Amino acid sequence: MKKSVAGVVIVVSCLLTVVCPSRGGVGEEPKGSAGLLAVGDPAPDWTLKDAEGVSHSLAEYKGKVVVLDFWASWCGPCAKVMPRMEKLHRKYKDQRVVVFGVNSWETGDAVATMDKKGCTYKLLLKGEEVAPEYGVKSLPVVCVIGVDGRVIYCRAGAEHKNLADVIEKHLGEHKS
């Protein structure tokens, strides 16, 4: 019963995110908006397993830009974000950028959903274990962590059209 109620709450939150997206400046949410981390906040470390059971942690990717897309297969707006994440992954896969689909509050088959959509970026499971640390209460949410471990973008909803610009600017400011 608890899982059913939690699932309904998440679905309603997901729908409200589409109807009432958070408003913020380019690349950021205002501090405290929707409870998400703000630009400049240190990103909490996490450890999650991928679909093959291999553990990944934020600390492993220090010095890289890390894109976290919190999503679920049942979330319609999440499906709109996935092609953008794939485009980012393909554009930056040979640079200092890694894209993760952080599957959260899943009730279906995350691996099958990624395959069906042709997504080749890394899938992390059980994202609900770290979502609260990032202020994620609804889906989708995209957080981008800079090479210095600080948030450079964090926004709820399906519109993330300027991510490449945010990443390019950050990489330009942090050339290695």
N, C-alpha and C. Protein backbone atom coordinates (compact mmCIF):
# COMPACT_ATOMS: atom_id res chain seq x y z
N MET A 1 0.83 -1.20 0.00
CA MET A 1 0.00 0.00 0.00
C MET A 1 0.86 1.26 0.00
N LYS A 2 1.94 1.27 0.81
CA LYS A 2 2.82 2.43 0.87
C LYS A 2 3.42 2.73 -0.50
N LYS A 3 3.87 1.67 -1.21
CA LYS A 3 4.47 1.87 -2.54
C LYS A 3 3.44 2.42 -3.51
N SER A 4 2.18 1.95 -3.43
CA SER A 4 1.14 2.45 -4.32
C SER A 4 0.88 3.92 -4.07
N VAL A 5 0.77 4.32 -2.82
CA VAL A 5 0.54 5.72 -2.48
C VAL A 5 1.73 6.56 -2.91
N ALA A 6 2.94 6.08 -2.66
CA ALA A 6 4.14 6.81 -3.07
C ALA A 6 4.18 6.96 -4.58
N GLY A 7 3.81 5.93 -5.30
CA GLY A 7 3.78 5.99 -6.76
C GLY A 7 2.80 7.03 -7.27
N VAL A 8 1.63 7.09 -6.65
CA VAL A 8 0.62 8.08 -7.04
C VAL A 8 1.13 9.49 -6.76
N VAL A 9 1.76 9.68 -5.62
CA VAL A 9 2.31 10.99 -5.26
C VAL A 9 3.36 11.41 -6.28
N ILE A 10 4.23 10.49 -6.68
CA ILE A 10 5.27 10.81 -7.65
C ILE A 10 4.66 11.14 -9.00
N VAL A 11 3.67 10.36 -9.44
CA VAL A 11 3.02 10.62 -10.73
C VAL A 11 2.37 12.00 -10.72
N VAL A 12 1.65 12.33 -9.66
CA VAL A 12 1.01 13.64 -9.56
C VAL A 12 2.06 14.74 -9.56
N SER A 13 3.15 14.54 -8.82
CA SER A 13 4.24 15.53 -8.80
C SER A 13 4.83 15.71 -10.18
N CYS A 14 5.00 14.60 -10.89
CA CYS A 14 5.54 14.64 -12.24
C CYS A 14 4.63 15.46 -13.15
N LEU A 15 3.32 15.23 -13.04
CA LEU A 15 2.36 15.97 -13.86
C LEU A 15 2.35 17.44 -13.50
N LEU A 16 2.43 17.76 -12.21
CA LEU A 16 2.45 19.16 -11.79
C LEU A 16 3.70 19.87 -12.28
N THR A 17 4.81 19.15 -12.36
CA THR A 17 6.04 19.74 -12.86
C THR A 17 5.85 20.23 -14.28
N VAL A 18 5.10 19.49 -15.09
CA VAL A 18 4.86 19.89 -16.47
C VAL A 18 3.92 21.09 -16.51
N VAL A 19 2.88 21.06 -15.68
CA VAL A 19 1.89 22.12 -15.68
C VAL A 19 2.47 23.39 -15.05
N CYS A 20 3.24 23.24 -13.99
CA CYS A 20 3.78 24.38 -13.26
C CYS A 20 5.29 24.24 -13.12
N PRO A 21 6.05 24.37 -14.21
CA PRO A 21 7.48 24.22 -14.09
C PRO A 21 8.06 25.33 -13.23
N SER A 22 9.15 25.02 -12.55
CA SER A 22 9.84 26.02 -11.75
C SER A 22 10.42 27.08 -12.67
N ARG A 23 10.49 28.28 -12.17
CA ARG A 23 11.05 29.37 -12.98
C ARG A 23 12.38 29.79 -12.36
N GLY A 24 13.35 30.03 -13.20
CA GLY A 24 14.65 30.47 -12.72
C GLY A 24 15.41 31.09 -13.86
N GLY A 25 16.59 31.57 -13.57
CA GLY A 25 17.43 32.16 -14.59
C GLY A 25 17.99 31.07 -15.48
N VAL A 26 18.71 31.49 -16.49
CA VAL A 26 19.31 30.54 -17.41
C VAL A 26 20.25 29.64 -16.63
N GLY A 27 19.97 28.34 -16.68
CA GLY A 27 20.86 27.37 -16.07
C GLY A 27 20.72 27.21 -14.57
N GLU A 28 19.76 27.88 -13.96
CA GLU A 28 19.69 27.72 -12.51
C GLU A 28 18.28 27.87 -11.98
N GLU A 29 18.09 27.30 -10.83
CA GLU A 29 16.88 27.51 -10.06
C GLU A 29 17.22 28.53 -8.98
N PRO A 30 16.30 29.40 -8.62
CA PRO A 30 16.57 30.29 -7.50
C PRO A 30 16.81 29.47 -6.24
N LYS A 31 17.66 29.96 -5.36
CA LYS A 31 18.00 29.25 -4.14
C LYS A 31 16.73 28.81 -3.44
N GLY A 32 16.62 27.52 -3.17
CA GLY A 32 15.49 26.99 -2.44
C GLY A 32 14.27 26.71 -3.30
N SER A 33 14.29 27.12 -4.56
CA SER A 33 13.14 26.88 -5.44
C SER A 33 12.94 25.40 -5.64
N ALA A 34 11.75 24.95 -5.39
CA ALA A 34 11.38 23.54 -5.53
C ALA A 34 12.26 22.64 -4.67
N GLY A 35 13.06 23.23 -3.77
CA GLY A 35 13.92 22.45 -2.88
C GLY A 35 15.16 21.89 -3.54
N LEU A 36 15.39 22.19 -4.82
CA LEU A 36 16.56 21.67 -5.52
C LEU A 36 17.82 22.39 -5.08
N LEU A 37 18.96 21.74 -5.30
CA LEU A 37 20.23 22.39 -5.04
C LEU A 37 20.35 23.61 -5.94
N ALA A 38 21.01 24.65 -5.46
CA ALA A 38 21.19 25.87 -6.23
C ALA A 38 22.55 25.86 -6.91
N VAL A 39 22.67 26.63 -7.97
CA VAL A 39 23.95 26.79 -8.64
C VAL A 39 24.97 27.28 -7.62
N GLY A 40 26.12 26.63 -7.59
CA GLY A 40 27.18 26.97 -6.65
C GLY A 40 27.22 26.07 -5.43
N ASP A 41 26.13 25.37 -5.15
CA ASP A 41 26.11 24.45 -4.01
C ASP A 41 27.05 23.27 -4.28
N PRO A 42 27.73 22.77 -3.25
CA PRO A 42 28.50 21.54 -3.44
C PRO A 42 27.55 20.37 -3.69
N ALA A 43 27.88 19.54 -4.65
CA ALA A 43 27.03 18.38 -4.96
C ALA A 43 27.32 17.26 -3.97
N PRO A 44 26.29 16.72 -3.34
CA PRO A 44 26.50 15.59 -2.43
C PRO A 44 27.04 14.38 -3.19
N ASP A 45 27.98 13.68 -2.57
CA ASP A 45 28.50 12.46 -3.19
C ASP A 45 27.41 11.39 -3.13
N TRP A 46 27.50 10.46 -4.03
CA TRP A 46 26.55 9.35 -4.08
C TRP A 46 27.27 8.13 -4.62
N THR A 47 26.69 6.98 -4.34
CA THR A 47 27.14 5.73 -4.94
C THR A 47 25.89 4.98 -5.36
N LEU A 48 25.81 4.67 -6.65
CA LEU A 48 24.68 3.93 -7.21
C LEU A 48 25.22 2.86 -8.15
N LYS A 49 24.44 1.81 -8.33
CA LYS A 49 24.83 0.73 -9.24
C LYS A 49 24.19 0.94 -10.60
N ASP A 50 24.93 0.52 -11.64
CA ASP A 50 24.36 0.55 -12.98
C ASP A 50 23.61 -0.76 -13.22
N ALA A 51 23.10 -0.93 -14.42
CA ALA A 51 22.28 -2.11 -14.74
C ALA A 51 23.08 -3.41 -14.69
N GLU A 52 24.40 -3.32 -14.79
CA GLU A 52 25.26 -4.51 -14.72
C GLU A 52 25.71 -4.79 -13.29
N GLY A 53 25.29 -3.95 -12.34
CA GLY A 53 25.66 -4.15 -10.94
C GLY A 53 26.97 -3.49 -10.54
N VAL A 54 27.55 -2.70 -11.42
CA VAL A 54 28.79 -1.99 -11.12
C VAL A 54 28.48 -0.69 -10.39
N SER A 55 29.17 -0.45 -9.28
CA SER A 55 28.96 0.77 -8.51
C SER A 55 29.69 1.95 -9.14
N HIS A 56 29.03 3.09 -9.10
CA HIS A 56 29.60 4.35 -9.56
C HIS A 56 29.37 5.37 -8.45
N SER A 57 30.34 6.27 -8.26
CA SER A 57 30.16 7.34 -7.28
C SER A 57 30.57 8.65 -7.92
N LEU A 58 30.02 9.73 -7.41
CA LEU A 58 30.36 11.05 -7.93
C LEU A 58 31.86 11.30 -7.79
N ALA A 59 32.44 10.85 -6.68
CA ALA A 59 33.87 11.07 -6.43
C ALA A 59 34.74 10.51 -7.55
N GLU A 60 34.31 9.44 -8.19
CA GLU A 60 35.06 8.83 -9.30
C GLU A 60 35.19 9.76 -10.50
N TYR A 61 34.30 10.71 -10.60
CA TYR A 61 34.24 11.56 -11.78
C TYR A 61 34.72 12.99 -11.51
N LYS A 62 35.47 13.15 -10.42
CA LYS A 62 36.03 14.46 -10.10
C LYS A 62 36.87 14.93 -11.30
N GLY A 63 36.74 16.20 -11.65
CA GLY A 63 37.45 16.74 -12.80
C GLY A 63 36.66 16.64 -14.09
N LYS A 64 35.47 16.03 -14.02
CA LYS A 64 34.59 15.93 -15.18
C LYS A 64 33.27 16.63 -14.86
N VAL A 65 32.58 17.04 -15.91
CA VAL A 65 31.22 17.53 -15.76
C VAL A 65 30.32 16.30 -15.70
N VAL A 66 29.45 16.25 -14.70
CA VAL A 66 28.56 15.11 -14.52
C VAL A 66 27.11 15.59 -14.66
N VAL A 67 26.42 15.00 -15.63
CA VAL A 67 25.01 15.33 -15.87
C VAL A 67 24.16 14.21 -15.27
N LEU A 68 23.27 14.58 -14.37
CA LEU A 68 22.36 13.62 -13.74
C LEU A 68 20.94 13.92 -14.18
N ASP A 69 20.33 12.96 -14.86
CA ASP A 69 18.94 13.08 -15.29
C ASP A 69 18.11 12.11 -14.45
N PHE A 70 17.39 12.65 -13.45
CA PHE A 70 16.52 11.84 -12.60
C PHE A 70 15.23 11.60 -13.38
N TRP A 71 14.89 10.31 -13.58
CA TRP A 71 13.76 9.95 -14.43
C TRP A 71 13.15 8.62 -14.01
N ALA A 72 12.00 8.30 -14.60
CA ALA A 72 11.35 6.99 -14.44
C ALA A 72 10.62 6.67 -15.73
N SER A 73 10.44 5.39 -15.99
CA SER A 73 9.80 4.96 -17.25
C SER A 73 8.34 5.38 -17.34
N TRP A 74 7.67 5.55 -16.21
CA TRP A 74 6.26 5.89 -16.20
C TRP A 74 6.01 7.39 -16.33
N CYS A 75 7.07 8.19 -16.34
CA CYS A 75 6.97 9.65 -16.35
C CYS A 75 7.02 10.18 -17.78
N GLY A 76 5.89 10.65 -18.29
CA GLY A 76 5.82 11.18 -19.65
C GLY A 76 6.81 12.29 -19.93
N PRO A 77 6.90 13.32 -19.08
CA PRO A 77 7.86 14.39 -19.33
C PRO A 77 9.31 13.89 -19.34
N CYS A 78 9.58 12.84 -18.58
CA CYS A 78 10.94 12.27 -18.56
C CYS A 78 11.33 11.78 -19.94
N ALA A 79 10.36 11.21 -20.66
CA ALA A 79 10.62 10.69 -22.00
C ALA A 79 11.05 11.79 -22.96
N LYS A 80 10.60 13.02 -22.71
CA LYS A 80 10.99 14.15 -23.55
C LYS A 80 12.43 14.58 -23.30
N VAL A 81 12.93 14.34 -22.10
CA VAL A 81 14.29 14.74 -21.74
C VAL A 81 15.32 13.76 -22.29
N MET A 82 14.96 12.49 -22.35
CA MET A 82 15.92 11.44 -22.72
C MET A 82 16.63 11.68 -24.06
N PRO A 83 15.94 12.08 -25.13
CA PRO A 83 16.67 12.33 -26.38
C PRO A 83 17.70 13.46 -26.24
N ARG A 84 17.40 14.45 -25.43
CA ARG A 84 18.36 15.54 -25.20
C ARG A 84 19.59 15.02 -24.45
N MET A 85 19.35 14.11 -23.51
CA MET A 85 20.48 13.53 -22.77
C MET A 85 21.35 12.69 -23.71
N GLU A 86 20.71 11.96 -24.61
CA GLU A 86 21.45 11.15 -25.58
C GLU A 86 22.29 12.05 -26.49
N LYS A 87 21.70 13.16 -26.91
CA LYS A 87 22.42 14.11 -27.77
C LYS A 87 23.64 14.68 -27.03
N LEU A 88 23.46 15.04 -25.76
CA LEU A 88 24.59 15.53 -24.95
C LEU A 88 25.66 14.46 -24.82
N HIS A 89 25.23 13.24 -24.53
CA HIS A 89 26.17 12.13 -24.37
C HIS A 89 27.00 11.94 -25.63
N ARG A 90 26.34 11.93 -26.77
CA ARG A 90 27.07 11.73 -28.04
C ARG A 90 28.00 12.89 -28.33
N LYS A 91 27.57 14.09 -28.02
CA LYS A 91 28.39 15.28 -28.30
C LYS A 91 29.65 15.32 -27.43
N TYR A 92 29.52 14.92 -26.17
CA TYR A 92 30.61 15.10 -25.20
C TYR A 92 31.27 13.82 -24.74
N LYS A 93 30.91 12.67 -25.28
CA LYS A 93 31.42 11.40 -24.73
C LYS A 93 32.94 11.28 -24.77
N ASP A 94 33.59 12.00 -25.67
CA ASP A 94 35.05 11.95 -25.75
C ASP A 94 35.70 13.14 -25.06
N GLN A 95 34.91 13.88 -24.30
CA GLN A 95 35.42 15.02 -23.56
C GLN A 95 35.28 14.75 -22.07
N ARG A 96 35.41 15.77 -21.28
CA ARG A 96 35.34 15.61 -19.82
C ARG A 96 33.90 15.73 -19.32
N VAL A 97 32.98 15.02 -19.97
CA VAL A 97 31.57 15.08 -19.60
C VAL A 97 31.01 13.66 -19.57
N VAL A 98 30.28 13.34 -18.51
CA VAL A 98 29.62 12.04 -18.41
C VAL A 98 28.14 12.28 -18.11
N VAL A 99 27.28 11.54 -18.80
CA VAL A 99 25.83 11.67 -18.64
C VAL A 99 25.30 10.40 -17.99
N PHE A 100 24.50 10.58 -16.95
CA PHE A 100 23.86 9.45 -16.26
C PHE A 100 22.36 9.64 -16.26
N GLY A 101 21.63 8.60 -16.62
CA GLY A 101 20.20 8.54 -16.39
C GLY A 101 20.03 7.92 -15.01
N VAL A 102 19.51 8.70 -14.07
CA VAL A 102 19.36 8.23 -12.69
C VAL A 102 17.92 7.80 -12.50
N ASN A 103 17.67 6.51 -12.72
CA ASN A 103 16.33 5.97 -12.64
C ASN A 103 15.85 5.99 -11.20
N SER A 104 14.66 6.54 -10.97
CA SER A 104 14.18 6.77 -9.61
C SER A 104 12.71 6.39 -9.47
N TRP A 105 12.37 5.79 -8.35
CA TRP A 105 10.99 5.41 -8.04
C TRP A 105 10.38 4.58 -9.18
N GLU A 106 11.16 3.67 -9.70
CA GLU A 106 10.76 2.90 -10.88
C GLU A 106 9.75 1.82 -10.53
N THR A 107 8.78 1.64 -11.42
CA THR A 107 7.80 0.56 -11.30
C THR A 107 7.84 -0.35 -12.53
N GLY A 108 8.61 0.04 -13.55
CA GLY A 108 8.68 -0.74 -14.78
C GLY A 108 10.09 -1.25 -15.03
N ASP A 109 10.45 -1.33 -16.29
CA ASP A 109 11.75 -1.86 -16.70
C ASP A 109 12.60 -0.73 -17.28
N ALA A 110 13.48 -0.19 -16.46
CA ALA A 110 14.32 0.94 -16.87
C ALA A 110 15.24 0.58 -18.02
N VAL A 111 15.82 -0.60 -17.98
CA VAL A 111 16.75 -1.03 -19.04
C VAL A 111 16.02 -1.10 -20.37
N ALA A 112 14.84 -1.71 -20.38
CA ALA A 112 14.06 -1.82 -21.62
C ALA A 112 13.67 -0.44 -22.14
N THR A 113 13.33 0.48 -21.26
CA THR A 113 12.97 1.83 -21.68
C THR A 113 14.16 2.52 -22.34
N MET A 114 15.33 2.41 -21.74
CA MET A 114 16.54 3.02 -22.33
C MET A 114 16.82 2.40 -23.70
N ASP A 115 16.72 1.09 -23.78
CA ASP A 115 16.97 0.40 -25.06
C ASP A 115 15.97 0.85 -26.12
N LYS A 116 14.71 0.89 -25.76
CA LYS A 116 13.65 1.27 -26.70
C LYS A 116 13.87 2.67 -27.25
N LYS A 117 14.37 3.56 -26.40
CA LYS A 117 14.60 4.94 -26.81
C LYS A 117 15.96 5.14 -27.47
N GLY A 118 16.77 4.08 -27.54
CA GLY A 118 18.08 4.19 -28.17
C GLY A 118 19.08 4.98 -27.36
N CYS A 119 18.91 5.00 -26.05
CA CYS A 119 19.81 5.74 -25.18
C CYS A 119 21.04 4.90 -24.85
N THR A 120 22.20 5.48 -25.06
CA THR A 120 23.46 4.75 -24.83
C THR A 120 24.25 5.30 -23.65
N TYR A 121 23.74 6.35 -23.02
CA TYR A 121 24.43 6.86 -21.83
C TYR A 121 24.17 5.91 -20.66
N LYS A 122 24.98 6.05 -19.63
CA LYS A 122 24.96 5.12 -18.49
C LYS A 122 23.68 5.26 -17.67
N LEU A 123 23.10 4.13 -17.31
CA LEU A 123 21.91 4.05 -16.48
C LEU A 123 22.30 3.70 -15.06
N LEU A 124 21.86 4.51 -14.11
CA LEU A 124 22.05 4.20 -12.70
C LEU A 124 20.68 3.90 -12.09
N LEU A 125 20.64 2.91 -11.21
CA LEU A 125 19.38 2.45 -10.63
C LEU A 125 19.23 2.91 -9.18
N LYS A 126 17.98 2.88 -8.72
CA LYS A 126 17.62 3.23 -7.35
C LYS A 126 18.02 4.67 -6.98
N GLY A 127 17.79 5.56 -7.92
CA GLY A 127 18.10 6.97 -7.71
C GLY A 127 17.36 7.60 -6.55
N GLU A 128 16.23 6.99 -6.16
CA GLU A 128 15.48 7.52 -5.01
C GLU A 128 16.31 7.50 -3.73
N GLU A 129 17.39 6.72 -3.72
CA GLU A 129 18.28 6.68 -2.55
C GLU A 129 19.09 7.96 -2.41
N VAL A 130 19.33 8.68 -3.50
CA VAL A 130 20.13 9.91 -3.43
C VAL A 130 19.31 11.15 -3.80
N ALA A 131 18.13 10.96 -4.38
CA ALA A 131 17.30 12.09 -4.82
C ALA A 131 17.06 13.12 -3.71
N PRO A 132 16.76 12.71 -2.47
CA PRO A 132 16.51 13.72 -1.44
C PRO A 132 17.70 14.64 -1.19
N GLU A 133 18.91 14.13 -1.33
CA GLU A 133 20.09 14.96 -1.10
C GLU A 133 20.21 16.06 -2.15
N TYR A 134 19.61 15.85 -3.31
CA TYR A 134 19.62 16.83 -4.38
C TYR A 134 18.33 17.66 -4.41
N GLY A 135 17.43 17.37 -3.48
CA GLY A 135 16.16 18.08 -3.42
C GLY A 135 15.15 17.61 -4.45
N VAL A 136 15.37 16.43 -5.03
CA VAL A 136 14.50 15.91 -6.07
C VAL A 136 13.26 15.29 -5.42
N LYS A 137 12.10 15.91 -5.71
CA LYS A 137 10.83 15.43 -5.18
C LYS A 137 9.85 15.10 -6.28
N SER A 138 10.17 15.53 -7.50
CA SER A 138 9.34 15.24 -8.65
C SER A 138 10.27 14.93 -9.82
N LEU A 139 9.71 14.38 -10.87
CA LEU A 139 10.50 14.00 -12.03
C LEU A 139 9.92 14.68 -13.27
N PRO A 140 10.73 14.96 -14.25
CA PRO A 140 12.18 14.82 -14.31
C PRO A 140 12.90 16.00 -13.65
N VAL A 141 14.15 15.74 -13.28
CA VAL A 141 15.06 16.78 -12.79
C VAL A 141 16.42 16.52 -13.41
N VAL A 142 17.04 17.57 -13.90
CA VAL A 142 18.39 17.47 -14.43
C VAL A 142 19.30 18.35 -13.58
N CYS A 143 20.35 17.75 -13.06
CA CYS A 143 21.39 18.47 -12.32
C CYS A 143 22.71 18.26 -13.04
N VAL A 144 23.46 19.34 -13.19
CA VAL A 144 24.78 19.26 -13.80
C VAL A 144 25.79 19.73 -12.77
N ILE A 145 26.80 18.90 -12.59
CA ILE A 145 27.84 19.15 -11.60
C ILE A 145 29.12 19.47 -12.35
N GLY A 146 29.74 20.58 -11.97
CA GLY A 146 30.95 21.02 -12.63
C GLY A 146 32.18 20.23 -12.21
N VAL A 147 33.28 20.52 -12.90
CA VAL A 147 34.53 19.81 -12.65
C VAL A 147 35.03 20.01 -11.22
N ASP A 148 34.55 21.07 -10.57
CA ASP A 148 34.95 21.36 -9.19
C ASP A 148 34.01 20.76 -8.15
N GLY A 149 33.02 19.98 -8.61
CA GLY A 149 32.10 19.32 -7.67
C GLY A 149 30.95 20.20 -7.22
N ARG A 150 30.78 21.35 -7.86
CA ARG A 150 29.68 22.25 -7.51
C ARG A 150 28.62 22.24 -8.60
N VAL A 151 27.39 22.48 -8.19
CA VAL A 151 26.26 22.49 -9.11
C VAL A 151 26.39 23.68 -10.06
N ILE A 152 26.27 23.41 -11.37
CA ILE A 152 26.27 24.49 -12.35
C ILE A 152 24.90 24.63 -13.02
N TYR A 153 24.00 23.69 -12.76
CA TYR A 153 22.65 23.71 -13.33
C TYR A 153 21.82 22.71 -12.56
N CYS A 154 20.60 23.09 -12.19
CA CYS A 154 19.68 22.14 -11.57
C CYS A 154 18.27 22.66 -11.77
N ARG A 155 17.48 21.88 -12.51
CA ARG A 155 16.14 22.35 -12.87
C ARG A 155 15.19 21.17 -13.01
N ALA A 156 13.97 21.38 -12.55
CA ALA A 156 12.89 20.40 -12.71
C ALA A 156 12.14 20.68 -14.00
N GLY A 157 11.50 19.65 -14.53
CA GLY A 157 10.68 19.81 -15.72
C GLY A 157 11.35 19.24 -16.96
N ALA A 158 10.66 19.37 -18.08
CA ALA A 158 11.12 18.73 -19.32
C ALA A 158 11.92 19.66 -20.23
N GLU A 159 12.00 20.94 -19.92
CA GLU A 159 12.69 21.89 -20.79
C GLU A 159 14.12 22.12 -20.31
N HIS A 160 15.06 21.65 -21.10
CA HIS A 160 16.49 21.81 -20.78
C HIS A 160 17.27 22.10 -22.06
N LYS A 161 16.85 23.12 -22.77
CA LYS A 161 17.41 23.38 -24.10
C LYS A 161 18.80 24.00 -24.08
N ASN A 162 19.20 24.63 -22.99
CA ASN A 162 20.47 25.33 -22.98
C ASN A 162 21.59 24.57 -22.27
N LEU A 163 21.42 23.29 -22.07
CA LEU A 163 22.44 22.51 -21.35
C LEU A 163 23.80 22.54 -22.03
N ALA A 164 23.83 22.43 -23.34
CA ALA A 164 25.11 22.44 -24.04
C ALA A 164 25.82 23.77 -23.81
N ASP A 165 25.08 24.88 -23.81
CA ASP A 165 25.68 26.19 -23.55
C ASP A 165 26.26 26.26 -22.14
N VAL A 166 25.52 25.74 -21.16
CA VAL A 166 25.99 25.73 -19.77
C VAL A 166 27.28 24.91 -19.67
N ILE A 167 27.29 23.76 -20.31
CA ILE A 167 28.47 22.88 -20.26
C ILE A 167 29.65 23.52 -20.98
N GLU A 168 29.42 24.08 -22.17
CA GLU A 168 30.49 24.72 -22.94
C GLU A 168 31.12 25.87 -22.14
N LYS A 169 30.29 26.69 -21.56
CA LYS A 169 30.79 27.82 -20.77
C LYS A 169 31.65 27.31 -19.61
N HIS A 170 31.16 26.31 -18.91
CA HIS A 170 31.88 25.77 -17.77
C HIS A 170 33.22 25.16 -18.20
N LEU A 171 33.20 24.37 -19.26
CA LEU A 171 34.45 23.76 -19.74
C LEU A 171 35.43 24.83 -20.18
N GLY A 172 34.93 25.90 -20.81
CA GLY A 172 35.81 26.99 -21.22
C GLY A 172 36.47 27.69 -20.05
N GLU A 173 35.73 27.78 -18.94
CA GLU A 173 36.27 28.42 -17.74
C GLU A 173 37.20 27.50 -16.96
N HIS A 174 37.15 26.20 -17.23
CA HIS A 174 37.94 25.21 -16.49
C HIS A 174 38.74 24.33 -17.43
N LYS A 175 39.52 24.95 -18.27
CA LYS A 175 40.36 24.18 -19.19
C LYS A 175 41.45 23.48 -18.41
N SER A 176 41.72 22.22 -18.81
CA SER A 176 42.77 21.47 -18.08
C SER A 176 44.06 21.45 -18.83
